[in-house]
PDB file of N, CA and C in Angstrom:
ATOM      1  N   MET A   1      94.985 113.217 108.921  1.00  0.00           N
ATOM      2  CA  MET A   1      93.852 114.051 108.589  1.00  0.00           C
ATOM      3  C   MET A   1      92.580 113.461 109.208  1.00  0.00           C
ATOM      4  N   GLU A   2      91.812 114.323 109.859  1.00  0.00           N
ATOM      5  CA  GLU A   2      90.580 113.865 110.509  1.00  0.00           C
ATOM      6  C   GLU A   2      89.421 113.897 109.521  1.00  0.00           C
ATOM      7  N   GLY A   3      88.476 113.003 109.755  1.00  0.00           N
ATOM      8  CA  GLY A   3      87.294 112.973 108.907  1.00  0.00           C
ATOM      9  C   GLY A   3      86.320 114.089 109.278  1.00  0.00           C
ATOM     10  N   PHE A   4      85.361 114.313 108.423  1.00  0.00           N
ATOM     11  CA  PHE A   4      84.351 115.352 108.657  1.00  0.00           C
ATOM     12  C   PHE A   4      83.363 114.851 109.702  1.00  0.00           C
ATOM     13  N   ASP A   5      83.226 115.592 110.784  1.00  0.00           N
ATOM     14  CA  ASP A   5      82.284 115.225 111.842  1.00  0.00           C
ATOM     15  C   ASP A   5      81.104 116.197 111.784  1.00  0.00           C
ATOM     16  N   PRO A   6      79.943 115.753 111.295  1.00  0.00           N
ATOM     17  CA  PRO A   6      78.816 116.675 111.157  1.00  0.00           C
ATOM     18  C   PRO A   6      78.306 117.211 112.487  1.00  0.00           C
ATOM     19  N   ALA A   7      78.538 116.509 113.574  1.00  0.00           N
ATOM     20  CA  ALA A   7      78.078 116.991 114.872  1.00  0.00           C
ATOM     21  C   ALA A   7      78.825 118.260 115.284  1.00  0.00           C
ATOM     22  N   ILE A   8      80.088 118.366 114.878  1.00  0.00           N
ATOM     23  CA  ILE A   8      80.889 119.536 115.233  1.00  0.00           C
ATOM     24  C   ILE A   8      80.736 120.633 114.185  1.00  0.00           C
ATOM     25  N   ASN A   9      80.710 120.244 112.918  1.00  0.00           N
ATOM     26  CA  ASN A   9      80.742 121.207 111.819  1.00  0.00           C
ATOM     27  C   ASN A   9      79.351 121.507 111.252  1.00  0.00           C
ATOM     28  N   TYR A  10      78.363 121.501 112.057  1.00  0.00           N
ATOM     29  CA  TYR A  10      76.997 121.732 111.590  1.00  0.00           C
ATOM     30  C   TYR A  10      76.463 122.993 112.242  1.00  0.00           C
ATOM     31  N   GLY A  11      76.161 123.996 111.455  1.00  0.00           N
ATOM     32  CA  GLY A  11      75.658 125.253 111.995  1.00  0.00           C
ATOM     33  C   GLY A  11      74.175 125.407 111.716  1.00  0.00           C
ATOM     34  N   PRO A  12      73.546 126.423 112.297  1.00  0.00           N
ATOM     35  CA  PRO A  12      72.109 126.619 112.106  1.00  0.00           C
ATOM     36  C   PRO A  12      71.730 126.907 110.654  1.00  0.00           C
ATOM     37  N   ASN A  13      72.616 127.567 109.903  1.00  0.00           N
ATOM     38  CA  ASN A  13      72.293 127.866 108.508  1.00  0.00           C
ATOM     39  C   ASN A  13      72.356 126.634 107.621  1.00  0.00           C
ATOM     40  N   ASP A  14      73.037 125.606 108.062  1.00  0.00           N
ATOM     41  CA  ASP A  14      73.104 124.369 107.286  1.00  0.00           C
ATOM     42  C   ASP A  14      71.742 123.696 107.223  1.00  0.00           C
ATOM     43  N   ALA A  15      70.911 123.911 108.218  1.00  0.00           N
ATOM     44  CA  ALA A  15      69.593 123.284 108.255  1.00  0.00           C
ATOM     45  C   ALA A  15      68.534 124.194 107.636  1.00  0.00           C
ATOM     46  N   GLY A  16      68.938 125.324 107.080  1.00  0.00           N
ATOM     47  CA  GLY A  16      67.996 126.237 106.456  1.00  0.00           C
ATOM     48  C   GLY A  16      67.284 127.127 107.454  1.00  0.00           C
ATOM     49  N   ILE A  17      67.797 127.231 108.659  1.00  0.00           N
ATOM     50  CA  ILE A  17      67.185 128.076 109.681  1.00  0.00           C
ATOM     51  C   ILE A  17      67.882 129.428 109.667  1.00  0.00           C
ATOM     52  N   SER A  18      67.119 130.472 109.424  1.00  0.00           N
ATOM     53  CA  SER A  18      67.688 131.815 109.416  1.00  0.00           C
ATOM     54  C   SER A  18      67.150 132.596 110.610  1.00  0.00           C
ATOM     55  N   ALA A  19      67.671 133.774 110.801  1.00  0.00           N
ATOM     56  CA  ALA A  19      67.204 134.625 111.895  1.00  0.00           C
ATOM     57  C   ALA A  19      65.729 134.950 111.717  1.00  0.00           C
ATOM     58  N   LEU A  20      65.303 135.136 110.476  1.00  0.00           N
ATOM     59  CA  LEU A  20      63.895 135.434 110.204  1.00  0.00           C
ATOM     60  C   LEU A  20      63.001 134.270 110.634  1.00  0.00           C
ATOM     61  N   THR A  21      63.427 133.054 110.346  1.00  0.00           N
ATOM     62  CA  THR A  21      62.648 131.879 110.735  1.00  0.00           C
ATOM     63  C   THR A  21      62.532 131.786 112.254  1.00  0.00           C
ATOM     64  N   ILE A  22      63.609 132.078 112.952  1.00  0.00           N
ATOM     65  CA  ILE A  22      63.592 132.024 114.411  1.00  0.00           C
ATOM     66  C   ILE A  22      62.650 133.081 114.969  1.00  0.00           C
ATOM     67  N   VAL A  23      62.717 134.298 114.437  1.00  0.00           N
ATOM     68  CA  VAL A  23      61.844 135.386 114.900  1.00  0.00           C
ATOM     69  C   VAL A  23      60.385 135.049 114.617  1.00  0.00           C
ATOM     70  N   LEU A  24      60.092 134.555 113.419  1.00  0.00           N
ATOM     71  CA  LEU A  24      58.714 134.188 113.085  1.00  0.00           C
ATOM     72  C   LEU A  24      58.213 133.049 113.972  1.00  0.00           C
ATOM     73  N   GLY A  25      59.080 132.130 114.312  1.00  0.00           N
ATOM     74  CA  GLY A  25      58.696 131.036 115.205  1.00  0.00           C
ATOM     75  C   GLY A  25      58.348 131.544 116.598  1.00  0.00           C
ATOM     76  N   ILE A  26      59.135 132.463 117.109  1.00  0.00           N
ATOM     77  CA  ILE A  26      58.870 133.033 118.432  1.00  0.00           C
ATOM     78  C   ILE A  26      57.565 133.827 118.425  1.00  0.00           C
ATOM     79  N   ILE A  27      57.359 134.638 117.377  1.00  0.00           N
ATOM     80  CA  ILE A  27      56.114 135.405 117.265  1.00  0.00           C
ATOM     81  C   ILE A  27      54.922 134.456 117.157  1.00  0.00           C
ATOM     82  N   GLY A  28      55.092 133.374 116.421  1.00  0.00           N
ATOM     83  CA  GLY A  28      54.026 132.385 116.291  1.00  0.00           C
ATOM     84  C   GLY A  28      53.673 131.748 117.624  1.00  0.00           C
ATOM     85  N   LEU A  29      54.671 131.391 118.400  1.00  0.00           N
ATOM     86  CA  LEU A  29      54.414 130.792 119.719  1.00  0.00           C
ATOM     87  C   LEU A  29      53.677 131.762 120.635  1.00  0.00           C
ATOM     88  N   ILE A  30      54.099 133.018 120.625  1.00  0.00           N
ATOM     89  CA  ILE A  30      53.434 134.027 121.452  1.00  0.00           C
ATOM     90  C   ILE A  30      51.990 134.214 120.996  1.00  0.00           C
ATOM     91  N   SER A  31      51.776 134.265 119.676  1.00  0.00           N
ATOM     92  CA  SER A  31      50.430 134.456 119.142  1.00  0.00           C
ATOM     93  C   SER A  31      49.513 133.284 119.494  1.00  0.00           C
ATOM     94  N   ILE A  32      50.026 132.067 119.367  1.00  0.00           N
ATOM     95  CA  ILE A  32      49.219 130.892 119.687  1.00  0.00           C
ATOM     96  C   ILE A  32      48.879 130.876 121.176  1.00  0.00           C
ATOM     97  N   SER A  33      49.829 131.233 122.018  1.00  0.00           N
ATOM     98  CA  SER A  33      49.565 131.285 123.457  1.00  0.00           C
ATOM     99  C   SER A  33      48.502 132.324 123.780  1.00  0.00           C
ATOM    100  N   TRP A  34      48.583 133.495 123.147  1.00  0.00           N
ATOM    101  CA  TRP A  34      47.610 134.555 123.370  1.00  0.00           C
ATOM    102  C   TRP A  34      46.224 134.109 122.897  1.00  0.00           C
ATOM    103  N   LEU A  35      46.174 133.471 121.720  1.00  0.00           N
ATOM    104  CA  LEU A  35      44.903 133.013 121.171  1.00  0.00           C
ATOM    105  C   LEU A  35      44.275 131.956 122.080  1.00  0.00           C
ATOM    106  N   PHE A  36      45.078 131.037 122.580  1.00  0.00           N
ATOM    107  CA  PHE A  36      44.580 130.019 123.491  1.00  0.00           C
ATOM    108  C   PHE A  36      44.005 130.672 124.753  1.00  0.00           C
ATOM    109  N   GLY A  37      44.678 131.691 125.271  1.00  0.00           N
ATOM    110  CA  GLY A  37      44.192 132.406 126.448  1.00  0.00           C
ATOM    111  C   GLY A  37      42.859 133.088 126.185  1.00  0.00           C
ATOM    112  N   LYS A  38      42.703 133.700 125.007  1.00  0.00           N
ATOM    113  CA  LYS A  38      41.447 134.365 124.659  1.00  0.00           C
ATOM    114  C   LYS A  38      40.305 133.358 124.537  1.00  0.00           C
ATOM    115  N   ILE A  39      40.573 132.218 123.905  1.00  0.00           N
ATOM    116  CA  ILE A  39      39.537 131.182 123.771  1.00  0.00           C
ATOM    117  C   ILE A  39      39.151 130.658 125.147  1.00  0.00           C
ATOM    118  N   TYR A  40      40.127 130.416 125.996  1.00  0.00           N
ATOM    119  CA  TYR A  40      39.852 129.938 127.344  1.00  0.00           C
ATOM    120  C   TYR A  40      39.012 130.954 128.119  1.00  0.00           C
ATOM    121  N   GLU A  41      39.351 132.240 127.966  1.00  0.00           N
ATOM    122  CA  GLU A  41      38.610 133.299 128.650  1.00  0.00           C
ATOM    123  C   GLU A  41      37.150 133.326 128.199  1.00  0.00           C
ATOM    124  N   GLN A  42      36.915 133.196 126.899  1.00  0.00           N
ATOM    125  CA  GLN A  42      35.546 133.206 126.376  1.00  0.00           C
ATOM    126  C   GLN A  42      34.759 131.986 126.860  1.00  0.00           C
ATOM    127  N   LEU A  43      35.403 130.826 126.887  1.00  0.00           N
ATOM    128  CA  LEU A  43      34.723 129.621 127.379  1.00  0.00           C
ATOM    129  C   LEU A  43      34.402 129.751 128.865  1.00  0.00           C
ATOM    130  N   ALA A  44      35.301 130.347 129.637  1.00  0.00           N
ATOM    131  CA  ALA A  44      35.063 130.540 131.066  1.00  0.00           C
ATOM    132  C   ALA A  44      33.871 131.473 131.280  1.00  0.00           C
ATOM    133  N   LYS A  45      33.789 132.543 130.475  1.00  0.00           N
ATOM    134  CA  LYS A  45      32.650 133.458 130.587  1.00  0.00           C
ATOM    135  C   LYS A  45      31.347 132.748 130.219  1.00  0.00           C
ATOM    136  N   LEU A  46      31.392 131.926 129.183  1.00  0.00           N
ATOM    137  CA  LEU A  46      30.211 131.196 128.739  1.00  0.00           C
ATOM    138  C   LEU A  46      29.715 130.254 129.828  1.00  0.00           C
ATOM    139  N   PHE A  47      30.623 129.491 130.408  1.00  0.00           N
ATOM    140  CA  PHE A  47      30.227 128.554 131.470  1.00  0.00           C
ATOM    141  C   PHE A  47      29.756 129.298 132.714  1.00  0.00           C
ATOM    142  N   GLU A  48      30.367 130.422 132.996  1.00  0.00           N
ATOM    143  CA  GLU A  48      29.948 131.213 134.160  1.00  0.00           C
ATOM    144  C   GLU A  48      28.548 131.770 133.957  1.00  0.00           C
ATOM    145  N   SER A  49      28.236 132.244 132.762  1.00  0.00           N
ATOM    146  CA  SER A  49      26.894 132.773 132.510  1.00  0.00           C
ATOM    147  C   SER A  49      25.863 131.655 132.516  1.00  0.00           C
ATOM    148  N   ASN A  50      26.230 130.460 132.059  1.00  0.00           N
ATOM    149  CA  ASN A  50      25.299 129.327 132.106  1.00  0.00           C
ATOM    150  C   ASN A  50      25.021 128.927 133.559  1.00  0.00           C
ATOM    151  N   LYS A  51      26.043 129.008 134.382  1.00  0.00           N
ATOM    152  CA  LYS A  51      25.867 128.641 135.790  1.00  0.00           C
ATOM    153  C   LYS A  51      24.928 129.642 136.491  1.00  0.00           C
ATOM    154  N   LYS A  52      25.063 130.928 136.163  1.00  0.00           N
ATOM    155  CA  LYS A  52      24.194 131.955 136.779  1.00  0.00           C
ATOM    156  C   LYS A  52      22.757 131.795 136.312  1.00  0.00           C
ATOM    157  N   ASN A  53      22.547 131.413 135.041  1.00  0.00           N
ATOM    158  CA  ASN A  53      21.209 131.259 134.516  1.00  0.00           C
ATOM    159  C   ASN A  53      20.485 130.060 135.108  1.00  0.00           C
ATOM    160  N   GLU A  54      21.226 129.034 135.501  1.00  0.00           N
ATOM    161  CA  GLU A  54      20.617 127.837 136.088  1.00  0.00           C
ATOM    162  C   GLU A  54      20.155 128.082 137.506  1.00  0.00           C
ATOM    163  N   SER A  55      20.799 128.974 138.212  1.00  0.00           N
ATOM    164  CA  SER A  55      20.455 129.226 139.629  1.00  0.00           C
ATOM    165  C   SER A  55      19.171 129.983 139.798  1.00  0.00           C
TER     166      SER A  55
END
């Protein structure tokens, strides 16, 4: 009889990860990426307007 090998017999539900958690994680990553892009865009506009005002 072989012993229990957790590396082989370990599924995603054993760690408490469900399909909902995976979907929410993906949506979260997309949202954070979008938010970072919006902040970067606003900072770029701000620096661009400051550069025009100095000239």
